[in-house]
Amino acid sequence: MDKELNIALPKGRLGEQAYALLRDAGLECPALNDPGRRLIFTNREKGVNYFWVKPSDVAIYVERGAADLGIAGKDILNEYAPNVYELQDLGIGRCRMAVAAPEGFRDDRRVPLKVATKFVRCARRHYAAKGRDIDIIHLNGSVEIAPILGLSDVIVDIVETGTTLRENRLAVIEEVFPISARLIANKASYQFKEERIVRLTAALAARKGENA
């Protein structure tokens, strides 16, 4: 068996979808079906170790070499710009980064636009490209309430169905960029485990083609 692969999976639905793709590509790990309190799940026969981490931490584990591979959303990659290889768009976890505002919003360009967001770098890049002065309000929780309470004019956030926005009388006014899950690799791991990683990406691409 080639060198083992250590793979970081994001906790939650996205991680479950990602594991299903990896399983179908030949890296199944039955231990994941009965997780209990374990943190690392191993299939020695397949030479793979999986572990669940917070979605925003996947790129850190990969960049620092604790994981050879990981699955991270394009939102995380754009926000934190980790020093990793982005190998493949897995076509799952599709949503979008968008600007949303209260119904009837009109932008007064005479004053800085107050923008509430978790994704500070993404918001700054978006508005810098437009030449728009902004006042960033960095929030860690639900940002939808910010314009309702007058804390911000708009929000920059991930939008999937738009239900939460509609329930709070907000609407998307701009799309910043589309989001989907990406397979990423540690740069040193890619060098030393290139054959296995290339085989895996080819298998994933083949499965994606079959399901297209």
C-alpha atoms as a PDB file:
ATOM      1  CA  MET A   1       0.000   0.000   0.000  1.00  0.00           C
ATOM      2  CA  ASP A   2       1.232   3.517  -0.837  1.00  0.00           C
ATOM      3  CA  LYS A   3       1.701   6.121   1.871  1.00  0.00           C
ATOM      4  CA  GLU A   4      -1.463   6.750   3.860  1.00  0.00           C
ATOM      5  CA  LEU A   5      -3.618   9.763   3.085  1.00  0.00           C
ATOM      6  CA  ASN A   6      -4.879  11.962   5.895  1.00  0.00           C
ATOM      7  CA  ILE A   7      -8.082  13.723   4.875  1.00  0.00           C
ATOM      8  CA  ALA A   8      -9.855  16.541   6.738  1.00  0.00           C
ATOM      9  CA  LEU A   9     -13.625  16.560   6.299  1.00  0.00           C
ATOM     10  CA  PRO A  10     -15.847  19.517   7.243  1.00  0.00           C
ATOM     11  CA  LYS A  11     -18.406  18.642   9.907  1.00  0.00           C
ATOM     12  CA  GLY A  12     -22.021  18.606   8.793  1.00  0.00           C
ATOM     13  CA  ARG A  13     -23.903  17.915   5.593  1.00  0.00           C
ATOM     14  CA  LEU A  14     -21.102  19.084   3.298  1.00  0.00           C
ATOM     15  CA  GLY A  15     -18.650  16.681   4.912  1.00  0.00           C
ATOM     16  CA  GLU A  16     -21.102  13.811   4.570  1.00  0.00           C
ATOM     17  CA  GLN A  17     -21.572  14.596   0.879  1.00  0.00           C
ATOM     18  CA  ALA A  18     -17.806  14.862   0.416  1.00  0.00           C
ATOM     19  CA  TYR A  19     -17.193  11.531   2.135  1.00  0.00           C
ATOM     20  CA  ALA A  20     -19.785   9.882  -0.135  1.00  0.00           C
ATOM     21  CA  LEU A  21     -17.776  11.067  -3.149  1.00  0.00           C
ATOM     22  CA  LEU A  22     -14.504   9.837  -1.666  1.00  0.00           C
ATOM     23  CA  ARG A  23     -16.097   6.511  -0.723  1.00  0.00           C
ATOM     24  CA  ASP A  24     -17.389   6.038  -4.250  1.00  0.00           C
ATOM     25  CA  ALA A  25     -13.927   6.913  -5.566  1.00  0.00           C
ATOM     26  CA  GLY A  26     -12.496   3.959  -3.635  1.00  0.00           C
ATOM     27  CA  LEU A  27     -11.579   5.407  -0.232  1.00  0.00           C
ATOM     28  CA  GLU A  28     -14.335   3.972   1.903  1.00  0.00           C
ATOM     29  CA  CYS A  29     -13.949   3.873   5.680  1.00  0.00           C
ATOM     30  CA  PRO A  30     -16.658   1.816   7.455  1.00  0.00           C
ATOM     31  CA  ALA A  31     -15.626   3.255  10.836  1.00  0.00           C
ATOM     32  CA  LEU A  32     -17.257   6.533   9.808  1.00  0.00           C
ATOM     33  CA  ASN A  33     -20.644   4.832   9.887  1.00  0.00           C
ATOM     34  CA  ASP A  34     -20.366   4.383  13.657  1.00  0.00           C
ATOM     35  CA  PRO A  35     -18.412   7.423  14.830  1.00  0.00           C
ATOM     36  CA  GLY A  36     -19.082   7.375  18.586  1.00  0.00           C
ATOM     37  CA  ARG A  37     -16.578   9.688  20.266  1.00  0.00           C
ATOM     38  CA  ARG A  38     -13.637   8.908  18.037  1.00  0.00           C
ATOM     39  CA  LEU A  39     -11.878  11.757  16.286  1.00  0.00           C
ATOM     40  CA  ILE A  40      -9.854   9.853  13.688  1.00  0.00           C
ATOM     41  CA  PHE A  41     -11.250   7.091  11.460  1.00  0.00           C
ATOM     42  CA  THR A  42      -8.927   4.679   9.717  1.00  0.00           C
ATOM     43  CA  ASN A  43      -9.112   2.081   6.987  1.00  0.00           C
ATOM     44  CA  ARG A  44      -5.674   0.462   6.922  1.00  0.00           C
ATOM     45  CA  GLU A  45      -6.567  -1.632   3.885  1.00  0.00           C
ATOM     46  CA  LYS A  46      -7.295   1.512   1.861  1.00  0.00           C
ATOM     47  CA  GLY A  47      -4.511   3.501   3.491  1.00  0.00           C
ATOM     48  CA  VAL A  48      -6.690   6.402   4.560  1.00  0.00           C
ATOM     49  CA  ASN A  49      -7.354   8.332   7.759  1.00  0.00           C
ATOM     50  CA  TYR A  50     -10.328  10.695   8.013  1.00  0.00           C
ATOM     51  CA  PHE A  51     -11.099  13.275  10.658  1.00  0.00           C
ATOM     52  CA  TRP A  52     -13.905  15.783  11.120  1.00  0.00           C
ATOM     53  CA  VAL A  53     -13.095  19.447  11.757  1.00  0.00           C
ATOM     54  CA  LYS A  54     -14.936  22.745  11.755  1.00  0.00           C
ATOM     55  CA  PRO A  55     -15.449  23.790   8.104  1.00  0.00           C
ATOM     56  CA  SER A  56     -13.468  27.011   8.503  1.00  0.00           C
ATOM     57  CA  ASP A  57     -10.537  25.021   9.967  1.00  0.00           C
ATOM     58  CA  VAL A  58     -10.114  22.523   7.119  1.00  0.00           C
ATOM     59  CA  ALA A  59      -7.757  24.781   5.178  1.00  0.00           C
ATOM     60  CA  ILE A  60      -5.603  25.346   8.272  1.00  0.00           C
ATOM     61  CA  TYR A  61      -5.136  21.606   8.823  1.00  0.00           C
ATOM     62  CA  VAL A  62      -4.193  21.176   5.169  1.00  0.00           C
ATOM     63  CA  GLU A  63      -1.927  24.213   4.949  1.00  0.00           C
ATOM     64  CA  ARG A  64      -0.047  23.187   8.096  1.00  0.00           C
ATOM     65  CA  GLY A  65       0.358  19.588   6.947  1.00  0.00           C
ATOM     66  CA  ALA A  66      -1.786  17.862   9.569  1.00  0.00           C
ATOM     67  CA  ALA A  67      -3.938  16.743   6.633  1.00  0.00           C
ATOM     68  CA  ASP A  68      -2.750  15.859   3.159  1.00  0.00           C
ATOM     69  CA  LEU A  69      -6.127  16.654   1.629  1.00  0.00           C
ATOM     70  CA  GLY A  70      -9.284  18.436   2.655  1.00  0.00           C
ATOM     71  CA  ILE A  71     -12.625  19.645   1.381  1.00  0.00           C
ATOM     72  CA  ALA A  72     -13.221  23.372   1.759  1.00  0.00           C
ATOM     73  CA  GLY A  73     -15.767  25.789   0.365  1.00  0.00           C
ATOM     74  CA  LYS A  74     -14.663  28.449  -2.084  1.00  0.00           C
ATOM     75  CA  ASP A  75     -15.836  31.024   0.473  1.00  0.00           C
ATOM     76  CA  ILE A  76     -13.195  29.822   2.943  1.00  0.00           C
ATOM     77  CA  LEU A  77     -10.481  29.734   0.280  1.00  0.00           C
ATOM     78  CA  ASN A  78     -11.259  33.237  -0.926  1.00  0.00           C
ATOM     79  CA  GLU A  79     -11.483  34.660   2.582  1.00  0.00           C
ATOM     80  CA  TYR A  80      -8.343  33.134   4.084  1.00  0.00           C
ATOM     81  CA  ALA A  81      -6.230  32.503   0.957  1.00  0.00           C
ATOM     82  CA  PRO A  82      -4.428  29.462   2.434  1.00  0.00           C
ATOM     83  CA  ASN A  83      -1.169  28.354   0.832  1.00  0.00           C
ATOM     84  CA  VAL A  84      -2.547  25.096  -0.605  1.00  0.00           C
ATOM     85  CA  TYR A  85      -3.222  23.545  -3.983  1.00  0.00           C
ATOM     86  CA  GLU A  86      -6.829  23.744  -5.142  1.00  0.00           C
ATOM     87  CA  LEU A  87      -7.174  20.505  -7.088  1.00  0.00           C
ATOM     88  CA  GLN A  88     -10.794  20.122  -8.090  1.00  0.00           C
ATOM     89  CA  ASP A  89     -14.276  21.586  -7.915  1.00  0.00           C
ATOM     90  CA  LEU A  90     -16.336  18.765  -6.436  1.00  0.00           C
ATOM     91  CA  GLY A  91     -19.637  20.305  -7.551  1.00  0.00           C
ATOM     92  CA  ILE A  92     -21.282  19.986  -4.129  1.00  0.00           C
ATOM     93  CA  GLY A  93     -22.254  22.568  -1.534  1.00  0.00           C
ATOM     94  CA  ARG A  94     -23.318  25.027  -4.199  1.00  0.00           C
ATOM     95  CA  CYS A  95     -24.412  28.461  -3.021  1.00  0.00           C
ATOM     96  CA  ARG A  96     -23.167  32.021  -3.496  1.00  0.00           C
ATOM     97  CA  MET A  97     -21.546  34.911  -1.734  1.00  0.00           C
ATOM     98  CA  ALA A  98     -23.860  37.861  -2.151  1.00  0.00           C
ATOM     99  CA  VAL A  99     -24.667  41.376  -1.062  1.00  0.00           C
ATOM    100  CA  ALA A 100     -28.118  41.706   0.502  1.00  0.00           C
ATOM    101  CA  ALA A 101     -30.013  44.784   1.649  1.00  0.00           C
ATOM    102  CA  PRO A 102     -33.430  45.779   3.003  1.00  0.00           C
ATOM    103  CA  GLU A 103     -36.212  46.027   0.463  1.00  0.00           C
ATOM    104  CA  GLY A 104     -36.125  49.390  -1.298  1.00  0.00           C
ATOM    105  CA  PHE A 105     -32.471  50.061  -0.430  1.00  0.00           C
ATOM    106  CA  ARG A 106     -30.769  52.881  -2.348  1.00  0.00           C
ATOM    107  CA  ASP A 107     -27.010  53.353  -2.158  1.00  0.00           C
ATOM    108  CA  ASP A 108     -25.935  56.885  -1.226  1.00  0.00           C
ATOM    109  CA  ARG A 109     -22.428  57.086  -2.671  1.00  0.00           C
ATOM    110  CA  ARG A 110     -21.748  60.372  -0.887  1.00  0.00           C
ATOM    111  CA  VAL A 111     -21.030  58.453   2.314  1.00  0.00           C
ATOM    112  CA  PRO A 112     -19.176  55.212   3.063  1.00  0.00           C
ATOM    113  CA  LEU A 113     -21.381  52.136   2.762  1.00  0.00           C
ATOM    114  CA  LYS A 114     -21.741  50.283   6.061  1.00  0.00           C
ATOM    115  CA  VAL A 115     -21.188  46.575   5.385  1.00  0.00           C
ATOM    116  CA  ALA A 116     -21.768  43.851   7.993  1.00  0.00           C
ATOM    117  CA  THR A 117     -20.096  40.523   7.281  1.00  0.00           C
ATOM    118  CA  LYS A 118     -18.132  37.535   8.531  1.00  0.00           C
ATOM    119  CA  PHE A 119     -16.150  37.629   5.282  1.00  0.00           C
ATOM    120  CA  VAL A 120     -14.129  40.798   5.645  1.00  0.00           C
ATOM    121  CA  ARG A 121     -11.554  40.142   2.927  1.00  0.00           C
ATOM    122  CA  CYS A 122     -14.140  39.055   0.406  1.00  0.00           C
ATOM    123  CA  ALA A 123     -16.196  42.177   1.076  1.00  0.00           C
ATOM    124  CA  ARG A 124     -13.193  44.481   0.877  1.00  0.00           C
ATOM    125  CA  ARG A 125     -12.048  43.006  -2.444  1.00  0.00           C
ATOM    126  CA  HIS A 126     -15.544  43.217  -3.908  1.00  0.00           C
ATOM    127  CA  TYR A 127     -16.023  46.873  -3.093  1.00  0.00           C
ATOM    128  CA  ALA A 128     -12.423  47.854  -3.867  1.00  0.00           C
ATOM    129  CA  ALA A 129     -12.979  46.554  -7.405  1.00  0.00           C
ATOM    130  CA  LYS A 130     -16.004  48.829  -7.634  1.00  0.00           C
ATOM    131  CA  GLY A 131     -14.183  51.823  -6.189  1.00  0.00           C
ATOM    132  CA  ARG A 132     -16.727  52.087  -3.372  1.00  0.00           C
ATOM    133  CA  ASP A 133     -15.731  53.392   0.059  1.00  0.00           C
ATOM    134  CA  ILE A 134     -17.002  51.126   2.817  1.00  0.00           C
ATOM    135  CA  ASP A 135     -17.108  50.854   6.578  1.00  0.00           C
ATOM    136  CA  ILE A 136     -16.672  47.180   7.480  1.00  0.00           C
ATOM    137  CA  ILE A 137     -18.516  45.837  10.529  1.00  0.00           C
ATOM    138  CA  HIS A 138     -17.085  42.416  11.349  1.00  0.00           C
ATOM    139  CA  LEU A 139     -19.689  40.129  12.920  1.00  0.00           C
ATOM    140  CA  ASN A 140     -19.333  36.474  13.875  1.00  0.00           C
ATOM    141  CA  GLY A 141     -22.980  35.556  14.320  1.00  0.00           C
ATOM    142  CA  SER A 142     -26.055  36.039  12.176  1.00  0.00           C
ATOM    143  CA  VAL A 143     -25.530  39.156  10.104  1.00  0.00           C
ATOM    144  CA  GLU A 144     -29.104  39.464   8.814  1.00  0.00           C
ATOM    145  CA  ILE A 145     -30.173  41.463  11.857  1.00  0.00           C
ATOM    146  CA  ALA A 146     -27.542  44.191  11.292  1.00  0.00           C
ATOM    147  CA  PRO A 147     -29.416  46.224   8.648  1.00  0.00           C
ATOM    148  CA  ILE A 148     -32.728  45.692  10.442  1.00  0.00           C
ATOM    149  CA  LEU A 149     -31.324  47.406  13.541  1.00  0.00           C
ATOM    150  CA  GLY A 150     -29.547  50.083  11.520  1.00  0.00           C
ATOM    151  CA  LEU A 151     -26.068  48.775  12.326  1.00  0.00           C
ATOM    152  CA  SER A 152     -25.286  48.385   8.626  1.00  0.00           C
ATOM    153  CA  ASP A 153     -26.650  49.350   5.231  1.00  0.00           C
ATOM    154  CA  VAL A 154     -26.011  45.961   3.632  1.00  0.00           C
ATOM    155  CA  ILE A 155     -24.577  42.545   4.431  1.00  0.00           C
ATOM    156  CA  VAL A 156     -22.156  40.299   2.570  1.00  0.00           C
ATOM    157  CA  ASP A 157     -22.903  36.676   3.340  1.00  0.00           C
ATOM    158  CA  ILE A 158     -23.458  33.184   1.965  1.00  0.00           C
ATOM    159  CA  VAL A 159     -26.857  32.704   0.362  1.00  0.00           C
ATOM    160  CA  GLU A 160     -28.228  29.258  -0.399  1.00  0.00           C
ATOM    161  CA  THR A 161     -32.021  29.331  -0.683  1.00  0.00           C
ATOM    162  CA  GLY A 162     -32.597  32.949   0.349  1.00  0.00           C
ATOM    163  CA  THR A 163     -35.285  31.936   2.852  1.00  0.00           C
ATOM    164  CA  THR A 164     -33.638  33.644   5.823  1.00  0.00           C
ATOM    165  CA  LEU A 165     -33.248  36.830   3.815  1.00  0.00           C
ATOM    166  CA  ARG A 166     -36.890  36.855   2.777  1.00  0.00           C
ATOM    167  CA  GLU A 167     -38.058  36.193   6.321  1.00  0.00           C
ATOM    168  CA  ASN A 168     -36.143  39.299   7.407  1.00  0.00           C
ATOM    169  CA  ARG A 169     -37.272  41.440   4.469  1.00  0.00           C
ATOM    170  CA  LEU A 170     -33.854  41.427   2.856  1.00  0.00           C
ATOM    171  CA  ALA A 171     -33.053  40.750  -0.791  1.00  0.00           C
ATOM    172  CA  VAL A 172     -29.938  39.954  -2.801  1.00  0.00           C
ATOM    173  CA  ILE A 173     -28.780  43.005  -4.750  1.00  0.00           C
ATOM    174  CA  GLU A 174     -25.447  41.658  -6.057  1.00  0.00           C
ATOM    175  CA  GLU A 175     -23.715  38.320  -6.433  1.00  0.00           C
ATOM    176  CA  VAL A 176     -20.084  38.441  -5.359  1.00  0.00           C
ATOM    177  CA  PHE A 177     -18.984  34.951  -6.496  1.00  0.00           C
ATOM    178  CA  PRO A 178     -20.379  31.411  -6.746  1.00  0.00           C
ATOM    179  CA  ILE A 179     -19.403  28.903  -4.084  1.00  0.00           C
ATOM    180  CA  SER A 180     -18.871  25.148  -4.204  1.00  0.00           C
ATOM    181  CA  ALA A 181     -16.686  22.655  -2.342  1.00  0.00           C
ATOM    182  CA  ARG A 182     -13.114  22.167  -3.522  1.00  0.00           C
ATOM    183  CA  LEU A 183     -10.592  19.395  -2.962  1.00  0.00           C
ATOM    184  CA  ILE A 184      -7.419  20.996  -1.629  1.00  0.00           C
ATOM    185  CA  ALA A 185      -3.961  19.554  -0.970  1.00  0.00           C
ATOM    186  CA  ASN A 186      -0.971  20.365   1.189  1.00  0.00           C
ATOM    187  CA  LYS A 187       1.845  21.354  -1.148  1.00  0.00           C
ATOM    188  CA  ALA A 188       4.474  19.073   0.395  1.00  0.00           C
ATOM    189  CA  SER A 189       2.021  16.163   0.558  1.00  0.00           C
ATOM    190  CA  TYR A 190       1.240  16.608  -3.105  1.00  0.00           C
ATOM    191  CA  GLN A 191       4.929  16.242  -3.908  1.00  0.00           C
ATOM    192  CA  PHE A 192       5.466  13.124  -1.803  1.00  0.00           C
ATOM    193  CA  LYS A 193       2.099  11.453  -2.400  1.00  0.00           C
ATOM    194  CA  GLU A 194       1.471  12.686  -5.906  1.00  0.00           C
ATOM    195  CA  GLU A 195       0.645   9.297  -7.435  1.00  0.00           C
ATOM    196  CA  ARG A 196      -2.131   8.550  -4.923  1.00  0.00           C
ATOM    197  CA  ILE A 197      -3.531  12.044  -5.066  1.00  0.00           C
ATOM    198  CA  VAL A 198      -3.580  12.090  -8.867  1.00  0.00           C
ATOM    199  CA  ARG A 199      -5.364   8.729  -8.898  1.00  0.00           C
ATOM    200  CA  LEU A 200      -7.934  10.031  -6.454  1.00  0.00           C
ATOM    201  CA  THR A 201      -8.629  13.237  -8.387  1.00  0.00           C
ATOM    202  CA  ALA A 202      -9.033  11.192 -11.566  1.00  0.00           C
ATOM    203  CA  ALA A 203     -11.492   8.858  -9.840  1.00  0.00           C
ATOM    204  CA  LEU A 204     -13.461  11.804  -8.465  1.00  0.00           C
ATOM    205  CA  ALA A 205     -13.560  13.431 -11.896  1.00  0.00           C
ATOM    206  CA  ALA A 206     -14.808  10.196 -13.416  1.00  0.00           C
ATOM    207  CA  ARG A 207     -17.587   9.883 -10.841  1.00  0.00           C
ATOM    208  CA  LYS A 208     -18.549  13.518 -11.379  1.00  0.00           C
ATOM    209  CA  GLY A 209     -18.737  12.895 -15.119  1.00  0.00           C
ATOM    210  CA  GLU A 210     -20.993   9.880 -14.590  1.00  0.00           C
ATOM    211  CA  ASN A 211     -23.361  11.937 -12.453  1.00  0.00           C
ATOM    212  CA  ALA A 212     -23.408  14.985 -14.715  1.00  0.00           C
END
